[in-house]
N, C-alpha and C. Protein backbone atom coordinates (compact mmCIF):
# COMPACT_ATOMS: atom_id res chain seq x y z
N MET A 1 72.98 31.66 17.43
CA MET A 1 73.46 30.29 17.38
C MET A 1 72.28 29.37 18.00
N ILE A 2 71.85 29.70 19.10
CA ILE A 2 70.86 28.95 19.85
C ILE A 2 69.56 28.88 18.98
N PRO A 3 69.02 29.93 18.36
CA PRO A 3 67.82 29.83 17.64
C PRO A 3 68.07 28.86 16.35
N ALA A 4 69.19 28.88 15.86
CA ALA A 4 69.51 27.97 14.73
C ALA A 4 69.48 26.53 15.09
N ILE A 5 69.98 26.21 16.27
CA ILE A 5 69.95 24.86 16.72
C ILE A 5 68.62 24.46 17.10
N TYR A 6 67.83 25.33 17.64
CA TYR A 6 66.41 25.15 18.00
C TYR A 6 65.58 24.78 16.80
N ALA A 7 65.84 25.52 15.73
CA ALA A 7 65.11 25.41 14.44
C ALA A 7 65.47 23.96 13.85
N LEU A 8 66.75 23.65 13.86
CA LEU A 8 67.21 22.42 13.36
C LEU A 8 66.60 21.22 14.08
N LEU A 9 66.55 21.29 15.37
CA LEU A 9 65.93 20.25 16.14
C LEU A 9 64.44 20.16 15.86
N ARG A 10 63.74 21.31 15.73
CA ARG A 10 62.35 21.26 15.39
C ARG A 10 62.18 20.49 13.98
N LYS A 11 63.01 20.81 13.03
CA LYS A 11 62.89 20.12 11.80
C LYS A 11 63.11 18.62 11.99
N LEU A 12 64.16 18.35 12.63
CA LEU A 12 64.47 16.87 12.92
C LEU A 12 63.30 16.18 13.60
N ILE A 13 62.73 16.74 14.57
CA ILE A 13 61.61 16.18 15.26
C ILE A 13 60.41 15.98 14.31
N LYS A 14 60.16 17.00 13.42
CA LYS A 14 59.00 16.93 12.51
C LYS A 14 59.29 15.79 11.57
N LEU A 15 60.51 15.68 11.15
CA LEU A 15 60.84 14.63 10.06
C LEU A 15 60.62 13.22 10.79
N LEU A 16 61.16 13.03 11.99
CA LEU A 16 61.02 11.81 12.68
C LEU A 16 59.56 11.40 12.99
N THR A 17 58.84 12.34 13.38
CA THR A 17 57.40 11.99 13.67
C THR A 17 56.54 11.69 12.45
N ARG A 18 57.03 12.09 11.31
CA ARG A 18 56.33 11.82 10.01
C ARG A 18 56.60 10.31 9.61
N SER A 19 57.72 9.81 9.90
CA SER A 19 58.08 8.43 9.48
C SER A 19 58.30 7.56 10.69
N LYS A 20 57.51 6.66 11.07
CA LYS A 20 57.67 5.77 12.21
C LYS A 20 58.84 4.85 12.09
N PRO A 21 59.06 4.22 11.00
CA PRO A 21 60.28 3.39 10.92
C PRO A 21 61.53 4.13 11.05
N LEU A 22 61.67 5.35 10.53
CA LEU A 22 62.88 6.19 10.77
C LEU A 22 62.96 6.58 12.19
N LEU A 23 61.88 6.84 12.92
CA LEU A 23 61.98 7.13 14.29
C LEU A 23 62.41 5.93 15.18
N VAL A 24 61.94 4.72 14.83
CA VAL A 24 62.39 3.54 15.49
C VAL A 24 63.85 3.34 15.35
N LEU A 25 64.27 3.46 14.06
CA LEU A 25 65.72 3.16 13.70
C LEU A 25 66.57 4.18 14.32
N THR A 26 66.17 5.42 14.45
CA THR A 26 66.94 6.48 15.10
C THR A 26 67.00 6.25 16.61
N LEU A 27 65.97 5.85 17.20
CA LEU A 27 66.03 5.59 18.62
C LEU A 27 66.86 4.38 18.95
N PHE A 28 66.77 3.37 18.13
CA PHE A 28 67.67 2.15 18.24
C PHE A 28 69.09 2.63 18.15
N ALA A 29 69.40 3.37 17.22
CA ALA A 29 70.88 3.89 17.08
C ALA A 29 71.29 4.69 18.23
N VAL A 30 70.40 5.61 18.67
CA VAL A 30 70.82 6.33 19.83
C VAL A 30 71.05 5.46 21.15
N VAL A 31 70.23 4.37 21.25
CA VAL A 31 70.44 3.49 22.41
C VAL A 31 71.75 2.68 22.25
N ILE A 32 72.10 2.27 21.05
CA ILE A 32 73.33 1.58 20.77
C ILE A 32 74.52 2.42 21.07
N VAL A 33 74.45 3.71 20.66
CA VAL A 33 75.63 4.58 20.94
C VAL A 33 75.79 4.88 22.42
N VAL A 34 74.69 5.23 23.07
CA VAL A 34 74.78 5.55 24.51
C VAL A 34 75.20 4.27 25.29
N ASN A 35 74.68 3.09 24.92
CA ASN A 35 75.17 1.90 25.70
C ASN A 35 76.69 1.59 25.41
N THR A 36 77.15 1.86 24.17
CA THR A 36 78.52 1.68 23.80
C THR A 36 79.40 2.49 24.68
N PHE A 37 79.09 3.72 24.87
CA PHE A 37 79.94 4.64 25.67
C PHE A 37 79.78 4.35 27.16
N LEU A 38 78.67 3.98 27.60
CA LEU A 38 78.51 3.51 29.09
C LEU A 38 79.24 2.35 29.34
N PHE A 39 79.23 1.33 28.51
CA PHE A 39 80.01 0.13 28.62
C PHE A 39 81.54 0.48 28.75
N TYR A 40 81.94 1.18 27.74
CA TYR A 40 83.35 1.51 27.64
C TYR A 40 83.77 2.34 28.94
N TRP A 41 82.89 3.24 29.42
CA TRP A 41 83.26 4.06 30.53
C TRP A 41 83.33 3.10 31.81
N ALA A 42 82.36 2.20 31.95
CA ALA A 42 82.25 1.39 33.12
C ALA A 42 83.46 0.37 33.13
N GLU A 43 83.94 -0.18 32.00
CA GLU A 43 84.98 -1.18 31.97
C GLU A 43 86.33 -0.59 31.91
N ALA A 44 86.54 0.36 31.09
CA ALA A 44 87.91 1.03 30.86
C ALA A 44 88.17 2.03 31.96
N VAL A 45 87.31 2.94 32.14
CA VAL A 45 87.67 4.04 33.05
C VAL A 45 87.56 3.80 34.50
N VAL A 46 86.29 3.22 34.89
CA VAL A 46 85.97 2.87 36.21
C VAL A 46 86.64 1.57 36.59
N GLY A 47 86.50 0.63 35.83
CA GLY A 47 87.05 -0.76 36.14
C GLY A 47 88.59 -0.90 36.02
N GLY A 48 89.18 0.00 35.20
CA GLY A 48 90.54 0.00 35.06
C GLY A 48 91.18 -0.98 34.16
N ARG A 49 90.31 -1.58 33.29
CA ARG A 49 90.78 -2.58 32.34
C ARG A 49 91.29 -1.89 31.10
N SER A 50 92.54 -2.28 30.71
CA SER A 50 93.24 -1.65 29.62
C SER A 50 92.96 -2.37 28.32
N ASP A 51 92.33 -3.52 28.26
CA ASP A 51 92.18 -4.25 27.06
C ASP A 51 90.79 -4.00 26.41
N VAL A 52 90.03 -3.12 26.93
CA VAL A 52 88.65 -2.79 26.39
C VAL A 52 88.83 -1.67 25.42
N ASP A 53 88.28 -1.73 24.19
CA ASP A 53 88.24 -0.73 23.18
C ASP A 53 86.87 -0.38 22.89
N LEU A 54 86.72 0.66 22.11
CA LEU A 54 85.29 1.09 21.72
C LEU A 54 84.64 0.01 20.81
N PHE A 55 85.41 -0.67 20.00
CA PHE A 55 84.79 -1.70 19.14
C PHE A 55 84.23 -2.83 19.94
N GLU A 56 84.94 -3.18 20.97
CA GLU A 56 84.48 -4.32 21.82
C GLU A 56 83.21 -3.80 22.59
N ALA A 57 83.10 -2.57 22.99
CA ALA A 57 82.03 -1.95 23.65
C ALA A 57 80.86 -1.89 22.61
N LEU A 58 81.17 -1.54 21.32
CA LEU A 58 80.05 -1.57 20.38
C LEU A 58 79.46 -3.02 20.15
N TYR A 59 80.36 -3.92 20.05
CA TYR A 59 79.96 -5.28 19.82
C TYR A 59 79.11 -5.74 20.96
N TRP A 60 79.46 -5.47 22.19
CA TRP A 60 78.70 -5.82 23.41
C TRP A 60 77.28 -5.14 23.31
N SER A 61 77.31 -3.90 22.93
CA SER A 61 75.97 -3.15 22.95
C SER A 61 75.04 -3.65 21.90
N VAL A 62 75.57 -3.99 20.73
CA VAL A 62 74.64 -4.59 19.65
C VAL A 62 74.18 -5.99 19.97
N ILE A 63 75.07 -6.83 20.45
CA ILE A 63 74.69 -8.13 20.85
C ILE A 63 73.72 -8.21 22.02
N THR A 64 73.85 -7.30 22.98
CA THR A 64 73.07 -7.24 24.13
C THR A 64 71.62 -6.79 23.67
N SER A 65 71.60 -5.76 22.85
CA SER A 65 70.40 -5.15 22.48
C SER A 65 69.56 -5.97 21.51
N ALA A 66 70.28 -6.76 20.74
CA ALA A 66 69.61 -7.57 19.68
C ALA A 66 69.24 -8.99 20.04
N THR A 67 69.68 -9.47 21.05
CA THR A 67 69.44 -10.85 21.48
C THR A 67 68.18 -10.95 22.39
N VAL A 68 67.66 -12.17 22.43
CA VAL A 68 66.50 -12.43 23.29
C VAL A 68 66.93 -13.41 24.40
N GLY A 69 66.50 -13.07 25.54
CA GLY A 69 66.84 -13.94 26.70
C GLY A 69 66.09 -15.27 26.78
N TYR A 70 66.57 -16.33 26.11
CA TYR A 70 65.91 -17.60 26.12
C TYR A 70 66.08 -18.34 27.45
N GLY A 71 66.96 -17.84 28.27
CA GLY A 71 67.15 -18.48 29.55
C GLY A 71 66.00 -18.28 30.58
N ASP A 72 65.19 -17.43 30.13
CA ASP A 72 63.99 -17.16 31.08
C ASP A 72 62.85 -18.13 30.86
N VAL A 73 62.86 -18.96 29.71
CA VAL A 73 61.80 -19.73 29.35
C VAL A 73 61.91 -21.00 30.15
């Protein structure tokens, strides 16, 4: 089982290093998913808010990652 997973990961890494736009898109998607679950965990589980769902966390993650902080100018 472990050698099969290792071989699959090697193929995936080879594919991603061949195509730079695919690598960037994949990394952005991973960041969005990780941020979504971290925000949900911080607000719903640790903070105790019952009105937070995964879609709100996904919205927060996309908006936060995609916007530029013009307040710094």
